Protein backbone atom coordinates (compact mmCIF):
# COMPACT_ATOMS: atom_id res chain seq x y z
CA MET A 1 37.53 0.52 -1.70
CA HIS A 2 35.26 -0.53 1.14
CA LEU A 3 31.63 -1.23 1.88
CA THR A 4 29.75 0.10 4.91
CA ILE A 5 26.94 -2.43 4.96
CA ASN A 6 25.12 -1.28 8.09
CA SER A 7 24.94 2.43 7.33
CA PRO A 8 21.89 4.16 5.81
CA VAL A 9 21.45 3.83 2.04
CA GLN A 10 20.41 6.76 -0.14
CA SER A 11 19.06 6.04 -3.63
CA LEU A 12 19.32 8.93 -6.08
CA LEU A 13 18.04 9.13 -9.65
CA VAL A 14 20.96 10.59 -11.58
CA TYR A 15 22.15 11.07 -15.15
CA PRO A 16 25.57 9.82 -16.29
CA ALA A 17 27.77 12.73 -17.35
CA ASP A 18 27.80 11.73 -21.02
CA ALA A 19 24.01 12.23 -21.18
CA PHE A 20 24.46 15.97 -20.59
CA THR A 21 26.82 17.63 -23.07
CA VAL A 22 27.83 21.14 -24.13
CA ILE A 23 26.33 22.18 -27.46
CA GLU A 24 27.54 25.78 -27.39
CA GLY A 25 30.41 27.43 -25.53
CA VAL A 26 34.03 26.91 -24.51
CA ASN A 27 33.60 23.19 -23.81
CA GLN A 28 31.48 22.50 -26.90
CA GLY A 29 31.19 18.78 -27.58
CA ASP A 30 32.33 17.78 -24.07
CA ALA A 31 30.28 15.90 -21.51
CA LEU A 32 29.63 17.30 -18.04
CA SER A 33 32.87 17.50 -16.07
CA PRO A 34 34.04 18.31 -12.51
CA ALA A 35 33.84 21.89 -11.27
CA ASP A 36 37.47 22.68 -12.16
CA ASP A 37 36.69 22.26 -15.85
CA LEU A 38 33.25 23.88 -15.99
CA VAL A 39 32.82 27.23 -17.75
CA LEU A 40 29.95 29.61 -17.04
CA ASP A 41 27.60 30.38 -19.94
CA ASP A 42 28.26 27.03 -21.60
CA VAL A 43 24.98 25.68 -22.97
CA TYR A 44 24.07 22.03 -22.32
CA ARG A 45 21.51 19.67 -23.75
CA LEU A 46 20.24 16.35 -22.46
CA HIS A 47 20.87 13.58 -24.99
CA PRO A 48 17.62 12.20 -26.48
CA SER A 49 18.45 8.74 -25.14
CA GLY A 50 19.62 10.05 -21.77
CA GLU A 51 17.80 8.40 -18.88
CA GLN A 52 18.09 8.71 -15.13
CA ASP A 53 19.11 5.60 -13.25
CA ARG A 54 19.55 4.72 -9.59
CA LEU A 55 22.79 5.42 -7.76
CA ALA A 56 22.60 3.82 -4.31
CA MET A 57 25.05 5.09 -1.72
CA HIS A 58 25.90 4.41 1.90
CA LEU A 59 26.32 7.38 4.20
CA ASP A 60 29.61 6.70 5.98
CA HIS A 61 30.30 7.56 9.62
CA ASP A 62 32.64 10.36 8.52
CA GLY A 63 29.94 11.96 6.38
CA GLY A 64 31.26 10.59 3.08
CA PHE A 65 29.45 8.39 0.57
CA THR A 66 30.22 4.91 -0.72
CA VAL A 67 28.46 3.15 -3.59
CA ALA A 68 26.18 0.45 -2.15
CA LEU A 69 25.79 -3.12 -3.37
CA ASP A 70 22.20 -2.57 -4.50
CA THR A 71 22.94 0.03 -7.18
CA ARG A 72 22.28 0.36 -10.90
CA LEU A 73 25.12 2.79 -11.48
CA GLY A 74 28.66 2.91 -10.18
CA GLN A 75 30.99 0.32 -8.73
CA PRO A 76 30.00 -1.00 -5.27
CA GLY A 77 32.56 0.19 -2.75
CA GLY A 78 33.57 3.20 -4.82
CA THR A 79 33.84 6.59 -3.12
CA VAL A 80 31.45 9.34 -4.20
CA HIS A 81 32.31 12.99 -3.69
CA LEU A 82 29.78 15.82 -3.75
CA ASP A 83 31.73 17.95 -6.19
CA SER A 84 29.58 21.07 -6.45
CA ALA A 85 26.12 22.60 -6.69
CA LEU A 86 25.19 23.82 -10.16
CA SER A 87 22.73 26.51 -11.18
CA LEU A 88 21.31 26.34 -14.70
CA VAL A 89 18.65 28.23 -16.62
CA SER A 90 16.59 26.44 -19.25
CA SER A 91 15.74 27.88 -22.67
CA GLU A 92 12.25 28.47 -21.21
CA GLY A 93 13.71 30.61 -18.41
CA ILE A 94 13.25 27.99 -15.66
CA SER A 95 15.90 27.85 -12.93
CA VAL A 96 17.34 24.38 -12.30
CA ASP A 97 19.46 23.46 -9.29
CA ALA A 98 21.56 20.31 -9.49
CA VAL A 99 24.27 18.43 -7.67
CA LEU A 100 27.40 17.20 -9.42
CA LEU A 101 28.70 13.92 -7.99
CA VAL A 102 32.07 12.36 -8.80
CA GLU A 103 32.88 8.69 -8.16
CA VAL A 104 36.55 7.77 -7.78
CA ASP A 105 38.25 4.37 -7.84
CA ALA A 106 40.72 2.85 -5.37
CA ALA A 107 43.56 4.84 -6.95
CA GLY A 108 41.68 8.11 -6.50
CA LEU A 109 41.03 8.50 -10.23
CA ILE A 110 37.68 9.63 -11.60
CA ALA A 111 35.56 6.61 -12.50
CA GLU A 112 32.18 8.22 -13.20
CA ILE A 113 30.48 11.62 -13.03
CA TYR A 114 26.76 12.04 -12.29
CA LEU A 115 24.24 14.85 -12.42
CA LEU A 116 21.38 14.98 -9.90
CA PRO A 117 18.86 17.66 -10.99
CA LEU A 118 16.29 18.89 -8.48
CA THR A 119 13.97 19.81 -11.35
CA PRO A 120 13.11 17.49 -14.26
CA LEU A 121 15.23 17.97 -17.39
CA ARG A 122 13.70 17.99 -20.89
CA THR A 123 15.42 16.76 -24.03
CA GLN A 124 13.70 19.59 -25.96
CA SER A 125 15.32 22.28 -23.80
CA THR A 126 18.80 23.70 -23.52
CA TYR A 127 20.43 24.63 -20.21
CA THR A 128 22.89 27.45 -19.63
CA LEU A 129 25.31 27.07 -16.73
CA VAL A 130 25.06 30.24 -14.64
CA GLY A 131 26.57 29.17 -11.30
CA VAL A 132 29.00 26.70 -9.73
CA ASN A 133 29.28 26.52 -5.93
CA ARG A 134 31.75 24.03 -4.47
CA ARG A 135 30.58 24.60 -0.89
CA ALA A 136 26.84 24.21 -1.42
CA ALA A 137 26.66 20.66 -2.81
CA ARG A 138 25.71 19.04 0.49
CA GLU A 139 23.15 21.71 1.32
CA THR A 140 21.59 21.32 -2.13
CA LEU A 141 21.45 17.56 -1.73
CA ALA A 142 19.70 18.11 1.60
CA ARG A 143 16.82 19.75 -0.26
CA VAL A 144 15.80 16.40 -1.75
CA PRO A 145 13.08 15.32 0.70
CA SER A 146 12.62 11.83 2.09
CA ILE A 147 9.14 11.97 3.61
CA ALA A 148 7.13 15.15 3.72
CA PHE A 149 3.68 16.74 3.62
CA THR A 150 2.40 19.22 1.06
CA ARG A 151 1.19 22.76 1.69
CA GLY A 152 -2.27 22.89 3.23
CA THR A 153 -2.11 19.53 5.04
CA HIS A 154 -3.91 19.75 8.41
CA ILE A 155 -1.89 18.45 11.38
CA THR A 156 -3.56 17.81 14.74
CA LEU A 157 -2.07 19.94 17.53
CA ALA A 158 -1.76 18.98 21.19
CA THR A 159 -4.99 20.92 21.87
CA GLY A 160 -6.88 18.92 19.27
CA ALA A 161 -7.06 21.91 16.95
CA GLN A 162 -6.02 21.59 13.32
CA ALA A 163 -3.13 23.61 11.86
CA ARG A 164 -1.79 23.73 8.34
CA ILE A 165 1.68 22.18 8.07
CA GLU A 166 3.19 25.37 6.63
CA THR A 167 2.24 27.32 9.78
CA LEU A 168 4.07 25.03 12.21
CA ARG A 169 7.22 26.37 13.86
CA ALA A 170 9.81 25.14 16.34
CA GLY A 171 8.22 25.10 19.80
CA ASP A 172 4.72 24.21 18.62
CA ARG A 173 3.18 21.19 20.33
CA VAL A 174 1.71 18.52 18.09
CA LEU A 175 -0.41 15.51 19.07
CA THR A 176 1.43 12.26 18.38
CA ARG A 177 -0.30 8.91 18.24
CA ASP A 178 2.39 7.09 20.19
CA GLN A 179 3.38 9.57 22.93
CA GLY A 180 0.76 12.31 23.09
CA PRO A 181 1.76 16.00 22.86
CA GLN A 182 5.31 16.56 21.60
CA GLN A 183 7.28 19.69 20.78
CA VAL A 184 8.46 20.43 17.25
CA LEU A 185 12.23 21.02 17.19
CA TRP A 186 12.56 22.06 13.55
CA ALA A 187 10.31 22.83 10.59
CA GLY A 188 11.59 23.09 7.04
CA ARG A 189 10.39 23.57 3.48
CA THR A 190 11.72 22.65 0.05
CA THR A 191 10.43 23.09 -3.49
CA VAL A 192 11.20 20.35 -6.01
CA GLY A 193 9.96 18.92 -9.28
CA ALA A 194 7.08 16.49 -8.65
CA VAL A 195 8.51 13.48 -10.44
CA GLY A 196 10.02 10.14 -9.44
CA ASP A 197 10.86 9.98 -5.74
CA ASN A 198 9.46 13.51 -5.34
CA SER A 199 6.11 12.84 -7.02
CA LEU A 200 2.82 13.12 -5.16
CA VAL A 201 0.41 10.53 -3.82
CA MET A 202 -3.15 11.75 -3.27
CA ILE A 203 -5.45 9.95 -0.86
CA ARG A 204 -8.97 11.11 -1.64
CA SER A 205 -11.17 12.43 1.14
CA GLY A 206 -13.08 9.59 2.78
CA ALA A 207 -10.68 6.88 1.56
CA LEU A 208 -9.19 6.51 5.06
CA ASN A 209 -11.87 8.38 7.00
CA ASN A 210 -10.07 11.61 6.13
CA GLU A 211 -12.27 14.70 5.76
CA ASN A 212 -9.95 16.34 3.21
CA ASP A 213 -7.66 15.01 0.52
CA LEU A 214 -4.24 14.06 1.89
CA ILE A 215 -1.29 14.62 -0.44
CA VAL A 216 2.09 13.22 0.65
CA SER A 217 5.42 12.13 -0.78
CA PRO A 218 5.39 8.54 -2.12
CA ASN A 219 7.63 7.20 0.66
CA HIS A 220 5.46 8.60 3.45
CA ARG A 221 4.30 5.73 5.63
CA LEU A 222 0.87 5.28 7.16
CA ALA A 223 0.22 3.17 10.26
CA ALA A 224 -1.76 -0.06 9.90
CA PRO A 225 -2.64 -2.07 13.05
CA GLN A 226 -2.32 -5.85 12.96
CA ARG A 227 -3.16 -8.57 15.48
CA THR A 228 -2.20 -7.69 19.04
CA ASP A 229 0.82 -10.02 19.17
CA ALA A 230 2.41 -8.50 16.05
CA PRO A 231 4.24 -5.18 15.69
CA GLU A 232 2.41 -2.41 13.92
CA ALA A 233 3.01 -2.31 10.18
CA LEU A 234 3.73 0.80 8.15
CA VAL A 235 2.62 1.11 4.54
CA SER A 236 4.32 3.51 2.14
CA ALA A 237 1.79 5.69 0.34
CA ARG A 238 3.07 4.52 -3.03
CA HIS A 239 1.96 0.96 -2.22
CA LEU A 240 -1.65 2.07 -1.73
CA ILE A 241 -2.09 3.50 -5.21
CA ASP A 242 -5.16 1.92 -6.81
CA GLY A 243 -6.01 4.56 -9.40
CA GLU A 244 -9.35 5.27 -7.73
CA SER A 245 -9.21 6.52 -4.15
CA VAL A 246 -5.39 6.69 -4.06
CA PHE A 247 -3.38 7.75 -7.08
CA ALA A 248 -0.08 9.27 -8.17
CA ILE A 249 0.33 12.80 -9.47
CA GLU A 250 3.43 13.80 -11.44
CA GLY A 251 4.52 17.01 -13.08
CA GLY A 252 5.12 20.60 -12.08
CA ARG A 253 6.70 21.72 -8.83
CA VAL A 254 5.62 20.99 -5.28
CA GLU A 255 6.32 22.54 -1.88
CA TYR A 256 7.18 19.84 0.64
CA TYR A 257 7.14 20.55 4.40
CA GLN A 258 8.91 18.54 7.08
CA ILE A 259 8.88 18.69 10.88
CA LEU A 260 11.38 17.16 13.26
CA PHE A 261 10.86 15.91 16.82
CA ALA A 262 13.44 14.67 19.31
CA ARG A 263 12.56 11.09 18.26
CA PRO A 264 10.38 9.35 15.66
CA HIS A 265 6.64 9.80 16.11
CA GLN A 266 3.36 9.31 14.33
CA VAL A 267 1.25 12.42 13.79
CA TYR A 268 -2.29 12.84 12.55
CA ALA A 269 -2.41 14.32 9.05
CA GLU A 270 -5.97 14.95 7.90
CA GLY A 271 -6.89 12.46 10.63
CA ILE A 272 -4.65 9.70 9.23
CA ALA A 273 -1.87 8.34 11.45
CA ALA A 274 1.29 9.16 9.48
CA ASP A 275 4.79 8.10 10.40
CA LEU A 276 7.52 10.67 10.89
CA LEU A 277 10.96 9.08 10.95
CA PRO A 278 14.00 11.15 11.77
CA ILE A 279 14.72 13.28 8.73
CA ASP A 280 16.85 11.73 5.99
CA PRO A 281 20.62 11.96 6.72
CA ARG A 282 21.01 14.16 3.63
CA VAL A 283 18.99 16.85 5.41
CA LYS A 284 21.41 17.10 8.34
CA PRO A 285 23.53 19.93 6.84
CA ALA A 286 20.42 22.09 6.48
CA LEU A 287 19.43 21.80 10.15
CA PRO A 288 20.26 24.53 12.67
CA HIS A 289 23.53 23.85 14.47
CA ASP A 290 21.98 24.37 17.90
CA LEU A 291 19.63 21.37 17.71
CA PRO A 292 20.19 18.83 20.50
CA ASP A 293 23.01 16.37 19.86
CA GLN A 294 20.67 13.42 20.24
CA VAL A 295 18.84 14.46 17.07
CA SER A 296 21.97 13.74 15.05
CA LEU A 297 22.04 10.21 16.41
CA LEU A 298 18.42 9.71 15.41
CA LEU A 299 19.20 10.62 11.83
CA HIS A 300 20.79 7.18 11.54
CA ALA A 301 18.24 5.27 13.59
CA ARG A 302 16.19 2.62 11.80
CA ASN A 303 14.19 0.23 13.92
CA ARG A 304 13.39 -3.05 12.16
CA ARG A 305 9.83 -2.89 13.48
CA GLU A 306 9.35 0.34 11.56
CA GLN A 307 10.19 -1.09 8.14
CA ASP A 308 7.61 -1.34 5.37
CA MET A 309 5.16 -4.22 5.38
CA ALA A 310 6.27 -7.36 3.56
CA GLN A 311 5.33 -7.41 -0.11
CA ALA A 312 2.74 -10.12 0.45
CA LEU A 313 0.94 -7.97 3.01
CA LEU A 314 1.08 -4.94 0.75
CA HIS A 315 -0.99 -6.78 -1.84
CA ARG A 316 -3.61 -8.01 0.58
CA PRO A 317 -7.07 -6.84 -0.49
CA ASP A 318 -7.79 -5.60 3.04
CA ALA A 319 -4.74 -3.31 3.27
CA MET A 320 -6.93 -0.24 2.91
CA ASP A 321 -9.31 -1.59 5.56
CA LEU A 322 -6.38 -1.97 7.96
CA LEU A 323 -5.52 1.66 7.44
CA ARG A 324 -9.12 2.82 7.80
CA ARG A 325 -9.15 1.30 11.30
CA ALA A 326 -5.97 3.23 12.10
CA ALA A 327 -7.42 6.58 11.04
CA ILE A 328 -9.47 8.73 13.35
CA GLY A 329 -12.84 9.31 11.72
């Protein structure tokens, strides 16, 4: 058992295995188990009292995962294995992809089992197991986005023209706020259920001098200038929700789009300066293998100046005014 304090932390909303049990099939009555014991066509149901909770993990230097101190589930220091990727079909005919995670103790024995669904589960539905893939767990986990734009978002190109995020490709040149025109190295897309960490935040047109509505993931950060002797602050979209000009949208499925540069930059999305950190470490397995080596190093980079604003600043009544001055109108 060990703790890797200085490595990136990933927080996942997962279900404990005993919240997801077989109601029909070979393993009837059993809770979710590791891949070796799973049987295709078994039918599962989420327990009425089953709730997702936060499993916080460190990404270790060797690519493994360790339970972090700031976690609601698991034992800090425990090792977490990505057991397999599961494919299920709900009683309504909806496909559900999920990741099965197994936590082991110091003796290598199973301590806990968790289910991370990429689509919201319903207690009223049943779920038939139709696929188990031991090699795809990491790639499936990579589909959980960290910060991303939604389809239709206009990004300012190096020429000053506007292009929809879904049309951008590797090689396109985008205008960045901090270093002018920069080349896109990678562009990706994922479709997930719009709940929790994957829910939407809508910034109404005009709220930040934006001509169109801007819809982003809740952890997307917008640039807010401060006094000249202080570093620029970044505000997560979720902290701007006021129920009027900025509000949360949950439910259904959403297409999220991400772009990757050779280093972190701020781009203009619907005229708003939006931060683009290196893509979440979970996304690394989904990236093309021929990307420059330095990109991999940036996946772990976190500059303290780029952290969210302090909670006191987030609740300042002029937070939206700060952001309006950062937007190009």
